[in-house]
Amino acid sequence: MPNESIIKLFEDKKIRIVWNEEEEKYYFAVADIVQVLTDSVNPRDYIKKMLRRDPELKSMWGTICPPVEMLAPDMKRRKTQAADLEGIFRIIQSIPSKKAEPIKRWLAEVGAQRIDQMIDPELTFQMAVEDYRRQGYSDKWINERMRSIEMRKELTDEWQRSGITKEKDFAILTNVLTKAWSGMTTGEYKHHKGLTKENLRDNMTNIELALNTLAEVATTEFSRQRNPKGMYESKQVAQAGGQIAKNTREDLERQLGRSVISSERASDYIHPIEASEVKELPFDDENK
């Protein structure tokens, strides 16, 4: 996919970011940055007032804040006003805030991290491991999650090779795969766990993650072998890959005498750990 969407935290607040491969730079959701700087309940209203105070910024707003597709709070992808680092720094100039300097340093750090990750992709995984540990996940779960991320990337690369390029088509194929092995679509699975905005995989148990990874690995291998073209054939391959994991799930459930599809969420089985046990990420606290 040409644009990589991620969410990073600044002082426990989420900031949506998109990496544009063609331009080789980050775009940050303007509303998220404004909310962090101002603690505004409605950052859009604050932006309107800010533009009235700063006519120069208003005159260049359309240029420095193009609409970029990002995840909305309801987890659907929508066009959102976003700016690159230069644009964000210009916006910060119009916002009187004690957090201006800490977030400038944080933004610079994010950019530097991306350059480091392009040179050494392993750093991306290392940072993800630290974030999961900070949230209280066990090392066993983290190892399984890291494997699942790697396998998912191989699958999406294979779907792209088969001619799948639209986000909605990736979501459709994921639903086919998930329903094939678990009996539920992704949305139904999230509902089963009582999730709304949370990531489903981040709330799976070790067994669920293993089965989901098996389904994705099988689908990837089938796709490489069968060389599907387009959506219809890719759906058939996803169904076949999911069936492999379904067979494993049903065999496991027969021997265990219970379902391995859990309604538990991450909050039910992770245990927050002391900050001293995890390497601190820079600029989490403006008072440092």
C-alpha atoms as a PDB file:
ATOM      1  CA  MET A   1       0.000   0.000   0.000  1.00  0.00           C
ATOM      2  CA  PRO A   2       1.414   3.406  -0.920  1.00  0.00           C
ATOM      3  CA  ASN A   3       0.583   5.080   2.401  1.00  0.00           C
ATOM      4  CA  GLU A   4       1.335   3.493   5.754  1.00  0.00           C
ATOM      5  CA  SER A   5      -1.088   4.496   8.534  1.00  0.00           C
ATOM      6  CA  ILE A   6       0.003   4.348  12.156  1.00  0.00           C
ATOM      7  CA  ILE A   7      -0.933   5.798  15.534  1.00  0.00           C
ATOM      8  CA  LYS A   8       1.691   7.109  17.932  1.00  0.00           C
ATOM      9  CA  LEU A   9       1.299   8.349  21.473  1.00  0.00           C
ATOM     10  CA  PHE A  10       2.345  11.671  22.940  1.00  0.00           C
ATOM     11  CA  GLU A  11       1.634  11.871  26.675  1.00  0.00           C
ATOM     12  CA  ASP A  12      -0.854   8.984  26.307  1.00  0.00           C
ATOM     13  CA  LYS A  13      -2.786  10.826  23.597  1.00  0.00           C
ATOM     14  CA  LYS A  14      -3.163   9.281  20.152  1.00  0.00           C
ATOM     15  CA  ILE A  15      -1.831  11.074  17.089  1.00  0.00           C
ATOM     16  CA  ARG A  16      -2.680   9.658  13.684  1.00  0.00           C
ATOM     17  CA  ILE A  17       0.182   9.603  11.214  1.00  0.00           C
ATOM     18  CA  VAL A  18       0.507   8.503   7.595  1.00  0.00           C
ATOM     19  CA  TRP A  19       3.812   7.735   5.931  1.00  0.00           C
ATOM     20  CA  ASN A  20       3.732   8.703   2.264  1.00  0.00           C
ATOM     21  CA  GLU A  21       6.181   6.487   0.416  1.00  0.00           C
ATOM     22  CA  GLU A  22       6.186   8.546  -2.777  1.00  0.00           C
ATOM     23  CA  GLU A  23       7.038  11.789  -0.956  1.00  0.00           C
ATOM     24  CA  GLU A  24       9.027   9.955   1.755  1.00  0.00           C
ATOM     25  CA  LYS A  25       7.594  11.993   4.618  1.00  0.00           C
ATOM     26  CA  TYR A  26       5.043  11.829   7.410  1.00  0.00           C
ATOM     27  CA  TYR A  27       1.665  13.548   7.437  1.00  0.00           C
ATOM     28  CA  PHE A  28       0.168  14.243  10.884  1.00  0.00           C
ATOM     29  CA  ALA A  29      -3.542  14.673  11.620  1.00  0.00           C
ATOM     30  CA  VAL A  30      -3.854  18.395  12.356  1.00  0.00           C
ATOM     31  CA  ALA A  31      -6.841  17.961  14.710  1.00  0.00           C
ATOM     32  CA  ASP A  32      -4.857  15.464  16.816  1.00  0.00           C
ATOM     33  CA  ILE A  33      -1.873  17.812  17.140  1.00  0.00           C
ATOM     34  CA  VAL A  34      -4.114  20.749  18.045  1.00  0.00           C
ATOM     35  CA  GLN A  35      -5.932  18.694  20.668  1.00  0.00           C
ATOM     36  CA  VAL A  36      -2.627  17.670  22.284  1.00  0.00           C
ATOM     37  CA  LEU A  37      -1.382  21.255  22.364  1.00  0.00           C
ATOM     38  CA  THR A  38      -4.595  22.856  23.603  1.00  0.00           C
ATOM     39  CA  ASP A  39      -6.489  20.085  25.431  1.00  0.00           C
ATOM     40  CA  SER A  40      -9.452  21.378  23.467  1.00  0.00           C
ATOM     41  CA  VAL A  41     -12.661  19.340  23.603  1.00  0.00           C
ATOM     42  CA  ASN A  42     -13.386  20.411  20.028  1.00  0.00           C
ATOM     43  CA  PRO A  43     -10.123  20.965  18.128  1.00  0.00           C
ATOM     44  CA  ARG A  44     -11.996  21.865  14.940  1.00  0.00           C
ATOM     45  CA  ASP A  45     -13.532  24.895  16.637  1.00  0.00           C
ATOM     46  CA  TYR A  46     -10.104  25.854  17.948  1.00  0.00           C
ATOM     47  CA  ILE A  47      -8.685  25.629  14.432  1.00  0.00           C
ATOM     48  CA  LYS A  48     -11.393  27.996  13.124  1.00  0.00           C
ATOM     49  CA  LYS A  49     -10.563  30.555  15.845  1.00  0.00           C
ATOM     50  CA  MET A  50      -6.839  30.118  15.209  1.00  0.00           C
ATOM     51  CA  LEU A  51      -7.266  30.862  11.506  1.00  0.00           C
ATOM     52  CA  ARG A  52      -9.249  34.028  12.312  1.00  0.00           C
ATOM     53  CA  ARG A  53      -6.354  35.169  14.513  1.00  0.00           C
ATOM     54  CA  ASP A  54      -3.705  34.315  11.912  1.00  0.00           C
ATOM     55  CA  PRO A  55      -4.722  35.501   8.399  1.00  0.00           C
ATOM     56  CA  GLU A  56      -1.337  34.459   6.970  1.00  0.00           C
ATOM     57  CA  LEU A  57      -1.830  30.872   8.117  1.00  0.00           C
ATOM     58  CA  LYS A  58      -5.399  30.927   6.796  1.00  0.00           C
ATOM     59  CA  SER A  59      -4.170  32.025   3.347  1.00  0.00           C
ATOM     60  CA  MET A  60      -1.857  29.004   3.068  1.00  0.00           C
ATOM     61  CA  TRP A  61      -4.081  26.506   4.909  1.00  0.00           C
ATOM     62  CA  GLY A  62      -5.228  24.608   1.837  1.00  0.00           C
ATOM     63  CA  THR A  63      -1.630  24.185   0.701  1.00  0.00           C
ATOM     64  CA  ILE A  64      -0.047  23.029   3.951  1.00  0.00           C
ATOM     65  CA  CYS A  65      -3.035  20.916   5.099  1.00  0.00           C
ATOM     66  CA  PRO A  66      -4.155  18.656   2.241  1.00  0.00           C
ATOM     67  CA  PRO A  67      -6.841  16.023   2.884  1.00  0.00           C
ATOM     68  CA  VAL A  68      -5.195  12.661   3.645  1.00  0.00           C
ATOM     69  CA  GLU A  69      -6.985   9.350   4.185  1.00  0.00           C
ATOM     70  CA  MET A  70      -6.674   8.223   7.816  1.00  0.00           C
ATOM     71  CA  LEU A  71      -8.542   6.154  10.364  1.00  0.00           C
ATOM     72  CA  ALA A  72     -11.403   8.111  11.930  1.00  0.00           C
ATOM     73  CA  PRO A  73     -12.481   7.511  15.557  1.00  0.00           C
ATOM     74  CA  ASP A  74     -15.082   4.997  14.303  1.00  0.00           C
ATOM     75  CA  MET A  75     -12.177   3.051  12.682  1.00  0.00           C
ATOM     76  CA  LYS A  76     -13.333   3.879   9.156  1.00  0.00           C
ATOM     77  CA  ARG A  77     -10.914   5.515   6.733  1.00  0.00           C
ATOM     78  CA  ARG A  78     -11.816   9.099   5.875  1.00  0.00           C
ATOM     79  CA  LYS A  79     -10.106  12.144   4.415  1.00  0.00           C
ATOM     80  CA  THR A  80      -8.585  14.194   7.230  1.00  0.00           C
ATOM     81  CA  GLN A  81      -6.727  17.502   7.179  1.00  0.00           C
ATOM     82  CA  ALA A  82      -3.058  16.637   7.648  1.00  0.00           C
ATOM     83  CA  ALA A  83       0.276  18.421   7.418  1.00  0.00           C
ATOM     84  CA  ASP A  84       3.893  17.384   7.082  1.00  0.00           C
ATOM     85  CA  LEU A  85       6.501  18.362   9.686  1.00  0.00           C
ATOM     86  CA  GLU A  86       7.088  21.793   8.157  1.00  0.00           C
ATOM     87  CA  GLY A  87       3.353  22.508   8.101  1.00  0.00           C
ATOM     88  CA  ILE A  88       2.861  21.291  11.674  1.00  0.00           C
ATOM     89  CA  PHE A  89       5.684  23.507  12.912  1.00  0.00           C
ATOM     90  CA  ARG A  90       3.987  26.487  11.242  1.00  0.00           C
ATOM     91  CA  ILE A  91       0.691  25.635  12.948  1.00  0.00           C
ATOM     92  CA  ILE A  92       2.442  25.315  16.310  1.00  0.00           C
ATOM     93  CA  GLN A  93       3.649  28.912  15.928  1.00  0.00           C
ATOM     94  CA  SER A  94      -0.001  30.040  16.102  1.00  0.00           C
ATOM     95  CA  ILE A  95      -0.782  28.098  19.268  1.00  0.00           C
ATOM     96  CA  PRO A  96       0.413  29.523  22.619  1.00  0.00           C
ATOM     97  CA  SER A  97       1.106  26.363  24.598  1.00  0.00           C
ATOM     98  CA  LYS A  98       3.564  25.107  27.203  1.00  0.00           C
ATOM     99  CA  LYS A  99       3.665  21.852  25.260  1.00  0.00           C
ATOM    100  CA  ALA A 100       5.041  23.477  22.105  1.00  0.00           C
ATOM    101  CA  GLU A 101       8.699  22.631  22.736  1.00  0.00           C
ATOM    102  CA  PRO A 102       8.136  19.055  23.985  1.00  0.00           C
ATOM    103  CA  ILE A 103       5.951  18.226  20.990  1.00  0.00           C
ATOM    104  CA  LYS A 104       8.477  19.808  18.598  1.00  0.00           C
ATOM    105  CA  ARG A 105      11.123  17.506  20.037  1.00  0.00           C
ATOM    106  CA  TRP A 106       8.718  14.571  19.830  1.00  0.00           C
ATOM    107  CA  LEU A 107       7.907  15.333  16.186  1.00  0.00           C
ATOM    108  CA  ALA A 108      11.589  15.528  15.350  1.00  0.00           C
ATOM    109  CA  GLU A 109      12.142  12.226  17.141  1.00  0.00           C
ATOM    110  CA  VAL A 110       9.337  10.569  15.137  1.00  0.00           C
ATOM    111  CA  GLY A 111      10.958  11.720  11.904  1.00  0.00           C
ATOM    112  CA  ALA A 112      14.377  10.505  13.009  1.00  0.00           C
ATOM    113  CA  GLN A 113      12.946   7.140  14.022  1.00  0.00           C
ATOM    114  CA  ARG A 114      11.459   6.682  10.571  1.00  0.00           C
ATOM    115  CA  ILE A 115      14.810   7.309   8.913  1.00  0.00           C
ATOM    116  CA  ASP A 116      16.452   4.822  11.278  1.00  0.00           C
ATOM    117  CA  GLN A 117      13.728   2.265  10.555  1.00  0.00           C
ATOM    118  CA  MET A 118      14.224   2.610   6.803  1.00  0.00           C
ATOM    119  CA  ILE A 119      17.922   1.859   7.317  1.00  0.00           C
ATOM    120  CA  ASP A 120      17.255  -0.945   9.821  1.00  0.00           C
ATOM    121  CA  PRO A 121      13.616  -2.267   9.709  1.00  0.00           C
ATOM    122  CA  GLU A 122      14.295  -4.380  12.805  1.00  0.00           C
ATOM    123  CA  LEU A 123      14.000  -1.187  14.868  1.00  0.00           C
ATOM    124  CA  THR A 124      10.282  -1.030  14.026  1.00  0.00           C
ATOM    125  CA  PHE A 125       9.755  -4.372  15.729  1.00  0.00           C
ATOM    126  CA  GLN A 126      11.903  -3.396  18.699  1.00  0.00           C
ATOM    127  CA  MET A 127       9.802  -0.277  19.277  1.00  0.00           C
ATOM    128  CA  ALA A 128       6.587  -2.274  18.977  1.00  0.00           C
ATOM    129  CA  VAL A 129       7.864  -4.764  21.568  1.00  0.00           C
ATOM    130  CA  GLU A 130       8.633  -1.929  23.999  1.00  0.00           C
ATOM    131  CA  ASP A 131       5.155  -0.434  23.490  1.00  0.00           C
ATOM    132  CA  TYR A 132       3.419  -3.763  24.144  1.00  0.00           C
ATOM    133  CA  ARG A 133       5.533  -4.367  27.256  1.00  0.00           C
ATOM    134  CA  ARG A 134       4.616  -0.911  28.501  1.00  0.00           C
ATOM    135  CA  GLN A 135       0.947  -1.862  28.174  1.00  0.00           C
ATOM    136  CA  GLY A 136       1.506  -5.016  30.236  1.00  0.00           C
ATOM    137  CA  TYR A 137       1.455  -7.819  27.650  1.00  0.00           C
ATOM    138  CA  SER A 138       3.496 -10.936  28.405  1.00  0.00           C
ATOM    139  CA  ASP A 139       6.634 -11.732  26.415  1.00  0.00           C
ATOM    140  CA  LYS A 140       4.973 -14.921  25.158  1.00  0.00           C
ATOM    141  CA  TRP A 141       2.007 -12.951  23.784  1.00  0.00           C
ATOM    142  CA  ILE A 142       4.307 -10.283  22.312  1.00  0.00           C
ATOM    143  CA  ASN A 143       6.374 -12.897  20.467  1.00  0.00           C
ATOM    144  CA  GLU A 144       3.210 -14.349  18.955  1.00  0.00           C
ATOM    145  CA  ARG A 145       1.963 -10.879  18.031  1.00  0.00           C
ATOM    146  CA  MET A 146       5.232  -9.979  16.325  1.00  0.00           C
ATOM    147  CA  ARG A 147       5.060 -13.142  14.247  1.00  0.00           C
ATOM    148  CA  SER A 148       1.477 -12.341  13.311  1.00  0.00           C
ATOM    149  CA  ILE A 149       2.469  -8.850  12.126  1.00  0.00           C
ATOM    150  CA  GLU A 150       5.185 -10.302   9.914  1.00  0.00           C
ATOM    151  CA  MET A 151       2.836 -12.928   8.473  1.00  0.00           C
ATOM    152  CA  ARG A 152       0.119 -10.321   7.884  1.00  0.00           C
ATOM    153  CA  LYS A 153       2.565  -8.193   5.882  1.00  0.00           C
ATOM    154  CA  GLU A 154       3.438 -11.189   3.696  1.00  0.00           C
ATOM    155  CA  LEU A 155      -0.256 -11.807   3.081  1.00  0.00           C
ATOM    156  CA  THR A 156      -1.065  -8.201   2.130  1.00  0.00           C
ATOM    157  CA  ASP A 157       1.954  -8.175  -0.187  1.00  0.00           C
ATOM    158  CA  GLU A 158       0.574 -11.311  -1.842  1.00  0.00           C
ATOM    159  CA  TRP A 159      -2.887  -9.751  -2.175  1.00  0.00           C
ATOM    160  CA  GLN A 160      -1.316  -6.738  -3.836  1.00  0.00           C
ATOM    161  CA  ARG A 161       0.487  -9.021  -6.274  1.00  0.00           C
ATOM    162  CA  SER A 162      -2.913 -10.512  -7.096  1.00  0.00           C
ATOM    163  CA  GLY A 163      -4.243  -7.091  -8.053  1.00  0.00           C
ATOM    164  CA  ILE A 164      -5.856  -6.045  -4.740  1.00  0.00           C
ATOM    165  CA  THR A 165      -5.101  -2.375  -4.063  1.00  0.00           C
ATOM    166  CA  LYS A 166      -8.134  -0.783  -2.373  1.00  0.00           C
ATOM    167  CA  GLU A 167      -8.420  -0.611   1.402  1.00  0.00           C
ATOM    168  CA  LYS A 168     -12.027  -1.798   1.315  1.00  0.00           C
ATOM    169  CA  ASP A 169     -10.987  -4.898  -0.641  1.00  0.00           C
ATOM    170  CA  PHE A 170      -8.306  -5.721   1.931  1.00  0.00           C
ATOM    171  CA  ALA A 171     -11.035  -5.451   4.588  1.00  0.00           C
ATOM    172  CA  ILE A 172     -13.381  -7.707   2.596  1.00  0.00           C
ATOM    173  CA  LEU A 173     -10.723 -10.393   2.187  1.00  0.00           C
ATOM    174  CA  THR A 174      -9.846 -10.150   5.875  1.00  0.00           C
ATOM    175  CA  ASN A 175     -13.522 -10.703   6.729  1.00  0.00           C
ATOM    176  CA  VAL A 176     -13.651 -13.763   4.456  1.00  0.00           C
ATOM    177  CA  LEU A 177     -10.526 -15.181   6.091  1.00  0.00           C
ATOM    178  CA  THR A 178     -11.619 -14.436   9.662  1.00  0.00           C
ATOM    179  CA  LYS A 179     -15.116 -15.854   9.176  1.00  0.00           C
ATOM    180  CA  ALA A 180     -13.709 -19.003   7.537  1.00  0.00           C
ATOM    181  CA  TRP A 181     -11.643 -19.991  10.581  1.00  0.00           C
ATOM    182  CA  SER A 182     -13.551 -18.420  13.483  1.00  0.00           C
ATOM    183  CA  GLY A 183     -17.156 -18.443  12.218  1.00  0.00           C
ATOM    184  CA  MET A 184     -17.369 -14.655  12.630  1.00  0.00           C
ATOM    185  CA  THR A 185     -16.531 -11.629  10.526  1.00  0.00           C
ATOM    186  CA  THR A 186     -14.050  -9.166  11.976  1.00  0.00           C
ATOM    187  CA  GLY A 187     -16.905  -6.915  13.130  1.00  0.00           C
ATOM    188  CA  GLU A 188     -18.769  -9.818  14.741  1.00  0.00           C
ATOM    189  CA  TYR A 189     -15.570 -10.982  16.425  1.00  0.00           C
ATOM    190  CA  LYS A 190     -14.978  -7.515  17.882  1.00  0.00           C
ATOM    191  CA  HIS A 191     -18.574  -7.398  19.094  1.00  0.00           C
ATOM    192  CA  HIS A 192     -18.067 -10.814  20.728  1.00  0.00           C
ATOM    193  CA  LYS A 193     -15.178  -9.333  22.706  1.00  0.00           C
ATOM    194  CA  GLY A 194     -16.994  -6.092  23.454  1.00  0.00           C
ATOM    195  CA  LEU A 195     -14.578  -4.026  21.375  1.00  0.00           C
ATOM    196  CA  THR A 196     -15.313  -0.796  19.519  1.00  0.00           C
ATOM    197  CA  LYS A 197     -12.251   1.139  18.356  1.00  0.00           C
ATOM    198  CA  GLU A 198      -9.673  -1.309  19.716  1.00  0.00           C
ATOM    199  CA  ASN A 199      -7.547  -3.498  17.464  1.00  0.00           C
ATOM    200  CA  LEU A 200      -8.923  -7.060  17.325  1.00  0.00           C
ATOM    201  CA  ARG A 201      -5.537  -8.781  17.130  1.00  0.00           C
ATOM    202  CA  ASP A 202      -4.295  -6.813  20.143  1.00  0.00           C
ATOM    203  CA  ASN A 203      -7.163  -8.365  22.103  1.00  0.00           C
ATOM    204  CA  MET A 204      -6.734 -11.977  20.988  1.00  0.00           C
ATOM    205  CA  THR A 205      -5.481 -14.717  23.291  1.00  0.00           C
ATOM    206  CA  ASN A 206      -2.341 -16.670  22.373  1.00  0.00           C
ATOM    207  CA  ILE A 207      -4.439 -19.460  20.832  1.00  0.00           C
ATOM    208  CA  GLU A 208      -6.593 -17.059  18.825  1.00  0.00           C
ATOM    209  CA  LEU A 209      -3.519 -15.271  17.520  1.00  0.00           C
ATOM    210  CA  ALA A 210      -1.903 -18.578  16.552  1.00  0.00           C
ATOM    211  CA  LEU A 211      -4.995 -19.702  14.654  1.00  0.00           C
ATOM    212  CA  ASN A 212      -5.361 -16.363  12.903  1.00  0.00           C
ATOM    213  CA  THR A 213      -1.692 -16.472  11.904  1.00  0.00           C
ATOM    214  CA  LEU A 214      -2.113 -20.045  10.628  1.00  0.00           C
ATOM    215  CA  ALA A 215      -5.044 -18.890   8.470  1.00  0.00           C
ATOM    216  CA  GLU A 216      -2.991 -16.030   7.025  1.00  0.00           C
ATOM    217  CA  VAL A 217       0.095 -18.181   6.413  1.00  0.00           C
ATOM    218  CA  ALA A 218      -2.000 -20.861   4.673  1.00  0.00           C
ATOM    219  CA  THR A 219      -3.729 -18.225   2.532  1.00  0.00           C
ATOM    220  CA  THR A 220      -0.382 -16.726   1.535  1.00  0.00           C
ATOM    221  CA  GLU A 221       1.006 -20.119   0.495  1.00  0.00           C
ATOM    222  CA  PHE A 222      -2.163 -21.068  -1.401  1.00  0.00           C
ATOM    223  CA  SER A 223      -2.061 -17.732  -3.192  1.00  0.00           C
ATOM    224  CA  ARG A 224       1.539 -18.218  -4.244  1.00  0.00           C
ATOM    225  CA  GLN A 225       0.693 -21.668  -5.559  1.00  0.00           C
ATOM    226  CA  ARG A 226      -2.622 -20.874  -7.268  1.00  0.00           C
ATOM    227  CA  ASN A 227      -1.702 -17.376  -8.500  1.00  0.00           C
ATOM    228  CA  PRO A 228      -5.205 -15.846  -8.234  1.00  0.00           C
ATOM    229  CA  LYS A 229      -6.145 -12.786 -10.258  1.00  0.00           C
ATOM    230  CA  GLY A 230      -8.490 -10.202  -8.823  1.00  0.00           C
ATOM    231  CA  MET A 231     -11.023 -10.193  -6.037  1.00  0.00           C
ATOM    232  CA  TYR A 232     -13.132 -13.245  -6.897  1.00  0.00           C
ATOM    233  CA  GLU A 233     -10.233 -15.684  -7.043  1.00  0.00           C
ATOM    234  CA  SER A 234      -8.547 -14.118  -4.002  1.00  0.00           C
ATOM    235  CA  LYS A 235     -11.729 -14.659  -1.979  1.00  0.00           C
ATOM    236  CA  GLN A 236     -11.645 -18.371  -2.861  1.00  0.00           C
ATOM    237  CA  VAL A 237      -8.040 -18.618  -1.743  1.00  0.00           C
ATOM    238  CA  ALA A 238      -8.789 -16.769   1.516  1.00  0.00           C
ATOM    239  CA  GLN A 239     -11.658 -19.177   2.183  1.00  0.00           C
ATOM    240  CA  ALA A 240      -9.339 -22.149   1.650  1.00  0.00           C
ATOM    241  CA  GLY A 241      -6.658 -20.703   3.929  1.00  0.00           C
ATOM    242  CA  GLY A 242      -9.192 -19.988   6.644  1.00  0.00           C
ATOM    243  CA  GLN A 243     -10.517 -23.546   6.374  1.00  0.00           C
ATOM    244  CA  ILE A 244      -7.085 -24.915   7.343  1.00  0.00           C
ATOM    245  CA  ALA A 245      -7.167 -22.931  10.586  1.00  0.00           C
ATOM    246  CA  LYS A 246     -10.819 -23.890  11.148  1.00  0.00           C
ATOM    247  CA  ASN A 247      -9.941 -27.586  10.937  1.00  0.00           C
ATOM    248  CA  THR A 248      -7.165 -27.060  13.487  1.00  0.00           C
ATOM    249  CA  ARG A 249      -9.481 -25.059  15.767  1.00  0.00           C
ATOM    250  CA  GLU A 250     -12.200 -27.727  15.705  1.00  0.00           C
ATOM    251  CA  ASP A 251      -9.707 -30.524  16.390  1.00  0.00           C
ATOM    252  CA  LEU A 252      -8.258 -28.560  19.300  1.00  0.00           C
ATOM    253  CA  GLU A 253     -11.705 -27.795  20.705  1.00  0.00           C
ATOM    254  CA  ARG A 254     -12.701 -31.486  20.554  1.00  0.00           C
ATOM    255  CA  GLN A 255      -9.663 -32.432  22.589  1.00  0.00           C
ATOM    256  CA  LEU A 256     -10.015 -29.543  25.047  1.00  0.00           C
ATOM    257  CA  GLY A 257     -13.769 -29.913  25.389  1.00  0.00           C
ATOM    258  CA  ARG A 258     -14.311 -26.155  25.085  1.00  0.00           C
ATOM    259  CA  SER A 259     -14.304 -23.315  22.584  1.00  0.00           C
ATOM    260  CA  VAL A 260     -11.015 -21.529  22.014  1.00  0.00           C
ATOM    261  CA  ILE A 261     -12.808 -18.428  20.711  1.00  0.00           C
ATOM    262  CA  SER A 262     -12.718 -16.194  23.762  1.00  0.00           C
ATOM    263  CA  SER A 263     -14.793 -13.189  24.747  1.00  0.00           C
ATOM    264  CA  GLU A 264     -11.872 -11.949  26.845  1.00  0.00           C
ATOM    265  CA  ARG A 265     -10.284  -8.627  25.984  1.00  0.00           C
ATOM    266  CA  ALA A 266      -6.684  -7.595  26.528  1.00  0.00           C
ATOM    267  CA  SER A 267      -7.700  -5.756  29.705  1.00  0.00           C
ATOM    268  CA  ASP A 268      -8.864  -9.073  31.138  1.00  0.00           C
ATOM    269  CA  TYR A 269      -5.487 -10.760  31.003  1.00  0.00           C
ATOM    270  CA  ILE A 270      -2.712  -8.182  30.742  1.00  0.00           C
ATOM    271  CA  HIS A 271      -1.129  -6.758  33.868  1.00  0.00           C
ATOM    272  CA  PRO A 272       0.245  -3.200  33.868  1.00  0.00           C
ATOM    273  CA  ILE A 273       3.904  -3.116  34.875  1.00  0.00           C
ATOM    274  CA  GLU A 274       6.026  -0.529  36.529  1.00  0.00           C
ATOM    275  CA  ALA A 275       7.548   2.073  34.227  1.00  0.00           C
ATOM    276  CA  SER A 276      10.994   1.168  35.576  1.00  0.00           C
ATOM    277  CA  GLU A 277      10.650  -2.291  34.030  1.00  0.00           C
ATOM    278  CA  VAL A 278      10.444  -0.885  30.483  1.00  0.00           C
ATOM    279  CA  LYS A 279      12.819   1.339  28.583  1.00  0.00           C
ATOM    280  CA  GLU A 280      11.244   4.797  28.624  1.00  0.00           C
ATOM    281  CA  LEU A 281      10.323   6.377  25.325  1.00  0.00           C
ATOM    282  CA  PRO A 282      11.624   9.935  24.846  1.00  0.00           C
ATOM    283  CA  PHE A 283       9.499  13.028  25.470  1.00  0.00           C
ATOM    284  CA  ASP A 284       6.586  11.247  27.158  1.00  0.00           C
ATOM    285  CA  ASP A 285       6.712  13.844  29.922  1.00  0.00           C
ATOM    286  CA  GLU A 286       7.143  17.525  29.211  1.00  0.00           C
ATOM    287  CA  ASN A 287       8.628  18.024  32.691  1.00  0.00           C
ATOM    288  CA  LYS A 288      11.629  15.751  32.048  1.00  0.00           C
END
